[in-house]
Each structure stands twice: as structure tokens, then as C-alpha cells.
Amino acid sequence: MSTLRVTAEVLTIHEHPNADALELAQVGLYRAVVAKGVYRTGETAVYIPEQSVLPAELIEELGLTGRLAGGKADRVKAVRLRGELSQGIVCRPSALRDVDLAAAAADGTDFADRLGITKWVPPIPPTMSGEVESAPDLLPWVDIENIQRYPGIFEPGEPVVLTEKLHGTACLVTYLAEDGGVQVSSKGFGSKALALQEDPRNLYWRAVRGHGVPEAAARLAERLGARRVGVFGEVFGAGVQDLTYGADGRRETLGYAVFDVSVEVDGGVRWLDAAEVTDLLDGELPLVPRLFEGPYDIDRVLETASGRESVSGRALHLREGVVIRPAVERYSGVTGGRAIAKAVSPAYLTRKGGTEYE
């Protein structure tokens, strides 16, 4: 899940092909449906991204009462309006009437707190929860930004790797070479440096033990001379999320696939390049499918993000999206950290009856 930032943005306005009274306001590569004539290209407005939870007074001011997602109808979600995908909300809230939005756009000011907007946190089912303990040595995962919001993360033609983004739940495993200890966590608990105590009923521990993740991590630590190894995988199947990939999270066929690895060697932590992950773990652990390797092209990325899943080998349902990373790991000034991003399928965003558990 990406970070929440509510910022002022310079807009590009496009015609809506199917509605005379509507237009499309572009922010980055996102487009949000707006009323015709309210905004012009080059003007600045506030952009509220998907997964934002809005306070009641702002919902009422924007005329969105009863029209947002969630049990309280207060969450921003991608929708199709007259056939066009609308992602996020473009507006000029009255609470910011005295703010120079053009200057705020240049400064990157975040208005989330001022507007009372928070980030939606998915619910945690009992099988994904459990007793936790402090885990200061746990190697953390990072939030991945959407390439459509931050299209400058990669340069055109830069060598990149696209892997399939799976709709399951992220499982964090840290192997401690000194004593052979294993720490298992979820993305939510991991962000708080907490690990789940081992429980055979817990989804993450079942996946970790069932697929021999600690043993593979131990072998990797020995080969690389690592003090710690972080193995980041997706747990999936029926009973986990609505997209199952032919696996059953309630049985021995519980799905698991590694999407990233980090290691601590000689006091420094680094992420393995995509090729290293494949070379070191292929045949050891299931890996997320690699869909493309070559020069970065945003059109190819967005095209690859859509279509049918390839995990099951049977194209059972739609694809969630892709993760984009450079062929060689590097720093990004856009993200302030790793150069890594995601692109999500419009069909996934607008599917009916979808689940979004942490």
C-alpha cells in the first residue's frame, strides 16, 4: 500500500468522451472525473488519492454524501463514471481558501492533517492476527508508490523488471543467522517492529513452515555471509482474498510466492537485484512470475498490468497489476528511497465484491 499524501497539483484537463457535462482532470498519470468548466489546464487544485478516509463535513461539502466506498461511505475508491475510470478526487476545499495552492504544489505541502483525511487501514481477519512480540531485528518492508501518481521514478529506456503483483497478504520473514531465530510478521505488524508468535493456526506461520522458508533463508545466509535475511512473500488462496490463483488458504494448498529479499552483510542492509533473487532462490521457494525484462516504457507497463493472472498457469481470473523495479537496485529521489513502484489494473480497482484485508 502506498503512502497517503493530499497535495496541490497542477492539472491537465481532457474531454470526457461520453458525457457533455463532465471532464477528466489529470494528475500525474491518474485521471479523475470533474464537472465541466470548473478547472482549466495549468490551474492548481487539491488531489485526494484513493484509500483516503474523509471526514463527514468534507464529504458533505464536496456533495459526495452516500457516494463513497466502505461501510460508512467515507472512503475514496476508483470508480467508472460514464465509462471512464476516475481515480481520486480533485477539489478546492473551503478550509484551504486562503492557501496559495500554486505555491503549495511547488513545495509539495501535504494537507491530509489539515483536512482531517486519514489513510484507510484494511481489517485483519483472525487467521492473519495473533499474539505479537517486540522484534527490533525484523527487516521491514517498504510502501510502494503507484507509478501513475509518480511517473518520474523511472527514466524512459531504463532497464527494468516487471513482476506480477499478487492479491494476497504480505508475509515478512527475518532469519537471524547468529542463533537460527525466525521472526514472522505481517505488513501491518512489521511496520511497528512486531512479530507474530508462532501458532500453527496462523496463516503466515502455516505458509512459512509449509514452504520451508526458514531453511531456504538459512542456506541463503550461509552463501552470502549474511547476519540477517529478509524474505518477503505473498500468501494467497481461497479464504485469504477474493482472488485465489487456484490455491486454498484453508488447506495444504495454501499459496505462497516470494517477491523480494533483503540481506544484512558486513553491517549494511541491501535489497537483492531481481536477477539475484531468481538465481539464489529459484527451485528453493516459489517466486512471483516475472512478466517482462527490458527497457522501461510506461505504455508497456500499463498494458502488462492488465489482463489475466499467470500464477496458476490457467488464467483463472484478472490480474491485480505489476511491480516495477530497476534491473539493478538504486536510490530514487522521487520516492526518497528505493526505486520501486506498482501499476494496478483498472479492472482490479473496479471489480465487484473484492476483499482488501491487510
Protein backbone atom coordinates (compact mmCIF):
# COMPACT_ATOMS: atom_id res chain seq x y z
CA MET A 1 0.00 0.00 0.00
CA SER A 2 1.34 3.44 -0.90
CA THR A 3 1.78 6.38 1.47
CA LEU A 4 -1.03 8.90 1.94
CA ARG A 5 -0.36 12.44 0.73
CA VAL A 6 -3.04 15.01 -0.04
CA THR A 7 -1.33 17.62 -2.17
CA ALA A 8 -1.98 20.52 -4.51
CA GLU A 9 -1.35 19.57 -8.15
CA VAL A 10 -1.19 21.31 -11.49
CA LEU A 11 -3.99 19.91 -13.67
CA THR A 12 -4.30 18.93 -17.29
CA ILE A 13 -7.94 18.86 -18.43
CA HIS A 14 -9.24 16.45 -21.05
CA GLU A 15 -12.65 15.99 -22.64
CA HIS A 16 -14.86 13.22 -21.31
CA PRO A 17 -15.72 11.10 -24.36
CA ASN A 18 -19.12 10.02 -23.07
CA ALA A 19 -20.52 12.98 -21.11
CA ASP A 20 -21.08 16.59 -22.16
CA ALA A 21 -21.22 17.84 -18.55
CA LEU A 22 -18.05 16.12 -17.35
CA GLU A 23 -14.32 16.39 -17.96
CA LEU A 24 -11.20 14.49 -16.90
CA ALA A 25 -8.62 16.18 -14.67
CA GLN A 26 -5.18 14.56 -14.98
CA VAL A 27 -2.77 14.38 -12.02
CA GLY A 28 0.43 12.53 -12.86
CA LEU A 29 -0.99 9.69 -14.95
CA TYR A 30 -4.18 9.47 -12.91
CA ARG A 31 -7.42 10.93 -14.20
CA ALA A 32 -10.36 12.00 -12.06
CA VAL A 33 -13.81 12.89 -13.40
CA VAL A 34 -14.80 16.50 -12.64
CA ALA A 35 -17.68 18.79 -13.59
CA LYS A 36 -17.12 20.55 -16.90
CA GLY A 37 -15.81 24.11 -16.76
CA VAL A 38 -14.69 24.10 -13.12
CA TYR A 39 -10.98 23.67 -13.86
CA ARG A 40 -8.64 24.62 -16.69
CA THR A 41 -5.34 23.18 -17.81
CA GLY A 42 -2.49 24.76 -15.84
CA GLU A 43 -4.66 25.59 -12.84
CA THR A 44 -3.99 24.06 -9.42
CA ALA A 45 -6.33 22.07 -7.19
CA VAL A 46 -6.10 19.59 -4.33
CA TYR A 47 -5.84 15.91 -5.18
CA ILE A 48 -7.22 13.37 -2.68
CA PRO A 49 -5.97 9.89 -3.60
CA GLU A 50 -7.66 6.51 -3.39
CA GLN A 51 -7.81 4.82 0.02
CA SER A 52 -8.31 8.19 1.73
CA VAL A 53 -10.92 8.34 4.50
CA LEU A 54 -12.72 11.70 4.56
CA PRO A 55 -14.41 13.46 7.48
CA ALA A 56 -18.19 13.93 7.26
CA GLU A 57 -18.05 17.70 6.82
CA LEU A 58 -15.72 17.46 3.83
CA ILE A 59 -17.85 14.73 2.26
CA GLU A 60 -20.90 16.98 2.59
CA GLU A 61 -19.07 20.00 1.19
CA LEU A 62 -17.98 18.01 -1.88
CA GLY A 63 -21.50 16.72 -2.47
CA LEU A 64 -20.43 13.11 -2.00
CA THR A 65 -22.72 12.03 0.82
CA GLY A 66 -23.59 8.36 0.36
CA ARG A 67 -21.45 8.09 -2.78
CA LEU A 68 -18.12 6.92 -1.38
CA ALA A 69 -17.00 3.38 -0.51
CA GLY A 70 -16.95 1.49 2.77
CA GLY A 71 -19.48 0.79 5.48
CA LYS A 72 -19.52 4.46 6.47
CA ALA A 73 -19.45 5.70 2.86
CA ASP A 74 -16.33 7.74 3.61
CA ARG A 75 -13.53 6.05 1.63
CA VAL A 76 -12.22 7.15 -1.77
CA LYS A 77 -12.16 4.29 -4.25
CA ALA A 78 -11.62 4.06 -8.00
CA VAL A 79 -14.91 4.09 -9.93
CA ARG A 80 -16.07 4.28 -13.51
CA LEU A 81 -18.21 7.32 -14.33
CA ARG A 82 -19.89 7.19 -17.72
CA GLY A 83 -17.36 4.60 -18.81
CA GLU A 84 -14.21 6.46 -17.73
CA LEU A 85 -12.00 5.37 -14.81
CA SER A 86 -11.91 8.03 -12.08
CA GLN A 87 -9.13 7.65 -9.51
CA GLY A 88 -9.17 10.04 -6.58
CA ILE A 89 -10.91 13.39 -6.05
CA VAL A 90 -9.92 16.77 -7.44
CA CYS A 91 -11.28 19.69 -5.41
CA ARG A 92 -10.66 23.05 -3.76
CA PRO A 93 -11.85 22.63 -0.14
CA SER A 94 -13.11 25.73 1.65
CA ALA A 95 -10.68 25.02 4.50
CA LEU A 96 -7.87 25.94 2.09
CA ARG A 97 -9.48 29.04 0.59
CA ASP A 98 -6.67 31.26 1.94
CA VAL A 99 -3.88 28.94 0.76
CA ASP A 100 -1.78 29.72 -2.32
CA LEU A 101 -2.27 26.33 -3.98
CA ALA A 102 0.28 27.04 -6.72
CA ALA A 103 2.97 27.66 -4.10
CA ALA A 104 1.81 24.61 -2.15
CA ALA A 105 2.13 22.50 -5.30
CA ALA A 106 5.68 23.70 -5.78
CA ASP A 107 6.53 22.95 -2.14
CA GLY A 108 4.77 19.57 -2.06
CA THR A 109 2.73 20.55 1.00
CA ASP A 110 0.69 17.70 2.49
CA PHE A 111 -2.81 18.81 3.55
CA ALA A 112 -4.02 15.47 4.95
CA ASP A 113 -3.89 16.53 8.61
CA ARG A 114 -5.36 19.96 7.97
CA LEU A 115 -8.33 18.44 6.13
CA GLY A 116 -8.80 15.60 8.62
CA ILE A 117 -8.08 12.96 5.97
CA THR A 118 -6.62 9.64 7.09
CA LYS A 119 -5.38 6.52 5.33
CA TRP A 120 -7.71 3.56 5.19
CA VAL A 121 -6.38 0.54 7.09
CA PRO A 122 -7.78 -2.81 5.92
CA PRO A 123 -9.32 -5.09 8.56
CA ILE A 124 -7.29 -8.00 9.92
CA PRO A 125 -9.08 -11.38 9.93
CA PRO A 126 -8.40 -13.67 12.94
CA THR A 127 -6.28 -16.07 10.83
CA MET A 128 -3.92 -13.19 10.00
CA SER A 129 -3.68 -11.91 13.55
CA GLY A 130 -2.36 -13.36 16.80
CA GLU A 131 -0.15 -12.68 19.79
CA VAL A 132 2.73 -10.37 18.95
CA GLU A 133 6.11 -9.59 20.46
CA SER A 134 8.75 -6.90 20.00
CA ALA A 135 11.07 -7.66 17.08
CA PRO A 136 13.71 -4.93 16.75
CA ASP A 137 15.79 -7.09 14.37
CA LEU A 138 12.90 -7.61 11.95
CA LEU A 139 13.82 -6.47 8.44
CA PRO A 140 10.96 -4.16 7.32
CA TRP A 141 9.07 -3.92 4.08
CA VAL A 142 8.57 -0.59 2.31
CA ASP A 143 5.50 1.14 0.94
CA ILE A 144 5.32 1.05 -2.86
CA GLU A 145 4.06 4.13 -4.68
CA ASN A 146 1.86 3.96 -7.75
CA ILE A 147 3.69 4.81 -10.97
CA GLN A 148 0.65 6.77 -12.16
CA ARG A 149 1.00 9.18 -9.24
CA TYR A 150 4.80 9.42 -9.52
CA PRO A 151 5.67 8.75 -13.18
CA GLY A 152 9.21 10.14 -12.78
CA ILE A 153 10.52 7.23 -10.70
CA PHE A 154 11.99 5.59 -13.81
CA GLU A 155 13.62 7.01 -16.92
CA PRO A 156 12.41 6.00 -20.39
CA GLY A 157 14.56 3.15 -21.65
CA GLU A 158 15.98 2.30 -18.23
CA PRO A 159 16.40 -1.48 -17.79
CA VAL A 160 13.58 -2.70 -15.54
CA VAL A 161 11.89 -5.91 -14.42
CA LEU A 162 8.12 -6.32 -14.15
CA THR A 163 6.79 -8.97 -11.79
CA GLU A 164 3.16 -9.87 -11.19
CA LYS A 165 1.56 -8.20 -8.18
CA LEU A 166 -0.48 -10.78 -6.29
CA HIS A 167 -3.65 -10.15 -4.31
CA GLY A 168 -2.98 -11.90 -1.04
CA THR A 169 -1.36 -10.76 2.18
CA ALA A 170 2.30 -9.84 2.60
CA CYS A 171 4.35 -12.12 4.85
CA LEU A 172 7.62 -10.85 6.32
CA VAL A 173 10.23 -13.36 7.45
CA THR A 174 13.54 -12.43 9.06
CA TYR A 175 16.14 -15.15 9.58
CA LEU A 176 18.82 -14.45 12.21
CA ALA A 177 21.97 -16.35 11.32
CA GLU A 178 23.63 -15.99 14.72
CA ASP A 179 21.16 -18.21 16.56
CA GLY A 180 18.93 -19.53 13.78
CA GLY A 181 15.99 -17.49 15.05
CA VAL A 182 12.99 -16.80 12.81
CA GLN A 183 10.68 -13.81 13.05
CA VAL A 184 7.40 -13.81 11.11
CA SER A 185 5.17 -10.79 10.67
CA SER A 186 2.57 -9.11 8.50
CA LYS A 187 3.00 -5.79 6.76
CA GLY A 188 0.94 -4.00 9.40
CA PHE A 189 2.65 -5.54 12.43
CA GLY A 190 6.03 -5.34 10.73
CA SER A 191 5.73 -1.57 10.32
CA LYS A 192 5.58 -1.43 14.14
CA ALA A 193 8.59 -3.76 14.60
CA LEU A 194 6.31 -6.51 15.93
CA ALA A 195 6.46 -10.22 15.10
CA LEU A 196 3.75 -12.84 15.44
CA GLN A 197 4.37 -15.56 17.99
CA GLU A 198 4.37 -18.98 16.36
CA ASP A 199 0.92 -20.52 16.16
CA PRO A 200 0.01 -23.42 13.83
CA ARG A 201 -3.38 -21.76 13.23
CA ASN A 202 -1.83 -18.52 11.99
CA LEU A 203 -1.91 -18.03 8.22
CA TYR A 204 1.62 -16.62 7.96
CA TRP A 205 3.26 -19.29 10.11
CA ARG A 206 1.43 -22.00 8.17
CA ALA A 207 2.81 -20.64 4.91
CA VAL A 208 6.33 -20.18 6.30
CA ARG A 209 6.54 -23.69 7.73
CA GLY A 210 4.68 -25.30 4.86
CA HIS A 211 7.06 -23.91 2.24
CA GLY A 212 10.29 -24.28 4.22
CA VAL A 213 11.10 -20.56 4.22
CA PRO A 214 13.42 -20.61 7.27
CA GLU A 215 15.51 -23.41 5.79
CA ALA A 216 15.86 -21.58 2.46
CA ALA A 217 16.75 -18.36 4.29
CA ALA A 218 19.41 -20.18 6.31
CA ARG A 219 21.03 -21.53 3.15
CA LEU A 220 20.92 -18.04 1.63
CA ALA A 221 22.55 -16.54 4.73
CA GLU A 222 25.37 -19.05 4.54
CA ARG A 223 26.01 -18.41 0.83
CA LEU A 224 26.09 -14.63 1.24
CA GLY A 225 27.69 -14.43 4.67
CA ALA A 226 24.63 -12.53 5.91
CA ARG A 227 23.79 -11.77 9.54
CA ARG A 228 20.09 -11.32 8.66
CA VAL A 229 17.99 -12.38 5.70
CA GLY A 230 14.57 -10.87 5.00
CA VAL A 231 12.27 -12.93 2.78
CA PHE A 232 9.14 -11.12 1.64
CA GLY A 233 6.38 -13.23 0.15
CA GLU A 234 2.70 -13.12 -0.66
CA VAL A 235 0.34 -15.63 0.96
CA PHE A 236 -2.75 -16.27 -1.16
CA GLY A 237 -5.66 -18.58 -1.83
CA ALA A 238 -9.32 -19.07 -1.01
CA GLY A 239 -10.07 -17.66 2.41
CA VAL A 240 -7.30 -15.06 2.10
CA GLN A 241 -8.65 -12.66 -0.53
CA ASP A 242 -11.21 -12.79 -3.33
CA LEU A 243 -8.57 -13.61 -5.98
CA THR A 244 -7.32 -17.13 -5.27
CA TYR A 245 -4.99 -18.20 -8.13
CA GLY A 246 -6.35 -21.73 -7.71
CA ALA A 247 -4.91 -22.11 -4.19
CA ASP A 248 -6.80 -22.72 -0.95
CA GLY A 249 -5.64 -20.75 2.07
CA ARG A 250 -7.55 -23.09 4.37
CA ARG A 251 -5.75 -26.26 3.29
CA GLU A 252 -2.31 -27.62 2.48
CA THR A 253 -2.55 -25.95 -0.93
CA LEU A 254 -2.03 -22.54 0.74
CA GLY A 255 -0.32 -20.35 -1.86
CA TYR A 256 2.99 -18.60 -1.26
CA ALA A 257 5.38 -16.71 -3.57
CA VAL A 258 8.47 -14.62 -2.82
CA PHE A 259 8.52 -11.11 -4.28
CA ASP A 260 11.58 -9.56 -2.58
CA VAL A 261 14.66 -10.33 -0.47
CA SER A 262 16.91 -8.12 1.66
CA VAL A 263 20.13 -9.09 3.43
CA GLU A 264 22.42 -7.62 6.06
CA VAL A 265 26.07 -8.24 5.17
CA ASP A 266 29.01 -6.55 6.94
CA GLY A 267 26.69 -4.22 8.81
CA GLY A 268 24.84 -2.94 5.75
CA VAL A 269 21.35 -3.87 4.54
CA ARG A 270 20.68 -4.12 0.82
CA TRP A 271 17.92 -5.39 -1.46
CA LEU A 272 18.86 -8.15 -3.84
CA ASP A 273 18.60 -7.35 -7.53
CA ALA A 274 15.79 -9.16 -9.35
CA ALA A 275 18.28 -11.47 -11.08
CA GLU A 276 19.91 -12.34 -7.75
CA VAL A 277 16.55 -13.34 -6.26
CA THR A 278 15.93 -15.68 -9.18
CA ASP A 279 19.46 -17.12 -9.23
CA LEU A 280 19.57 -17.74 -5.48
CA LEU A 281 16.00 -18.87 -4.75
CA ASP A 282 14.60 -20.40 -7.95
CA GLY A 283 13.90 -24.02 -7.06
CA GLU A 284 14.25 -23.20 -3.36
CA LEU A 285 11.00 -21.24 -2.92
CA PRO A 286 8.09 -20.28 -5.19
CA LEU A 287 8.67 -16.89 -6.82
CA VAL A 288 6.18 -14.37 -8.20
CA PRO A 289 6.02 -14.58 -12.01
CA ARG A 290 8.42 -12.38 -13.96
CA LEU A 291 6.41 -10.85 -16.82
CA PHE A 292 8.91 -8.60 -18.59
CA GLU A 293 12.57 -7.62 -18.53
CA GLY A 294 13.80 -4.80 -20.75
CA PRO A 295 13.65 -1.03 -21.34
CA TYR A 296 11.16 0.98 -19.31
CA ASP A 297 8.14 2.17 -21.25
CA ILE A 298 5.07 3.39 -19.39
CA ASP A 299 2.66 2.16 -22.06
CA ARG A 300 4.10 -1.36 -21.82
CA VAL A 301 3.88 -1.20 -18.01
CA LEU A 302 0.19 -0.22 -18.02
CA GLU A 303 -0.63 -2.80 -20.68
CA THR A 304 1.13 -5.57 -18.74
CA ALA A 305 -0.65 -4.57 -15.52
CA SER A 306 -3.96 -5.62 -17.05
CA GLY A 307 -5.10 -8.97 -18.38
CA ARG A 308 -5.32 -12.38 -16.71
CA GLU A 309 -3.22 -13.75 -13.86
CA SER A 310 -0.32 -16.07 -14.65
CA VAL A 311 0.30 -17.57 -11.19
CA SER A 312 -1.99 -20.57 -11.61
CA GLY A 313 -0.96 -21.18 -15.21
CA ARG A 314 -4.65 -21.28 -16.09
CA ALA A 315 -5.57 -17.59 -16.27
CA LEU A 316 -8.32 -18.15 -13.72
CA HIS A 317 -9.16 -14.52 -13.11
CA LEU A 318 -7.99 -10.96 -13.65
CA ARG A 319 -4.51 -9.75 -12.76
CA GLU A 320 -4.08 -7.27 -9.89
CA GLY A 321 -1.17 -5.46 -11.51
CA VAL A 322 2.62 -5.38 -11.70
CA VAL A 323 5.57 -4.26 -9.62
CA ILE A 324 8.27 -2.30 -11.44
CA ARG A 325 11.88 -2.26 -10.27
CA PRO A 326 15.18 -1.43 -11.93
CA ALA A 327 17.27 -4.34 -13.14
CA VAL A 328 19.94 -3.09 -10.71
CA GLU A 329 18.68 -1.75 -7.39
CA ARG A 330 19.14 2.01 -6.95
CA TYR A 331 18.02 5.02 -4.96
CA SER A 332 15.21 7.27 -6.22
CA GLY A 333 14.98 10.96 -5.43
CA VAL A 334 11.27 10.79 -6.26
CA THR A 335 10.46 8.24 -3.55
CA GLY A 336 13.27 9.22 -1.20
CA GLY A 337 14.25 5.57 -1.01
CA ARG A 338 14.13 2.53 -3.28
CA ALA A 339 13.32 2.95 -6.93
CA ILE A 340 10.27 0.69 -6.96
CA ALA A 341 6.65 1.23 -7.99
CA LYS A 342 3.42 -0.55 -8.81
CA ALA A 343 0.82 -0.29 -11.53
CA VAL A 344 -2.67 -1.61 -10.83
CA SER A 345 -5.19 -2.96 -13.32
CA PRO A 346 -8.32 -0.80 -13.78
CA ALA A 347 -10.39 -4.00 -13.82
CA TYR A 348 -8.99 -4.93 -10.42
CA LEU A 349 -9.75 -1.49 -8.98
CA THR A 350 -13.37 -1.55 -10.13
CA ARG A 351 -14.22 -5.24 -9.57
CA LYS A 352 -17.30 -6.05 -7.54
CA GLY A 353 -17.19 -7.90 -4.22
CA GLY A 354 -13.44 -7.57 -3.79
CA THR A 355 -11.72 -8.02 -0.42
CA GLU A 356 -8.86 -5.85 0.84
CA TYR A 357 -7.52 -7.42 4.02
CA GLU A 358 -4.15 -6.33 5.39
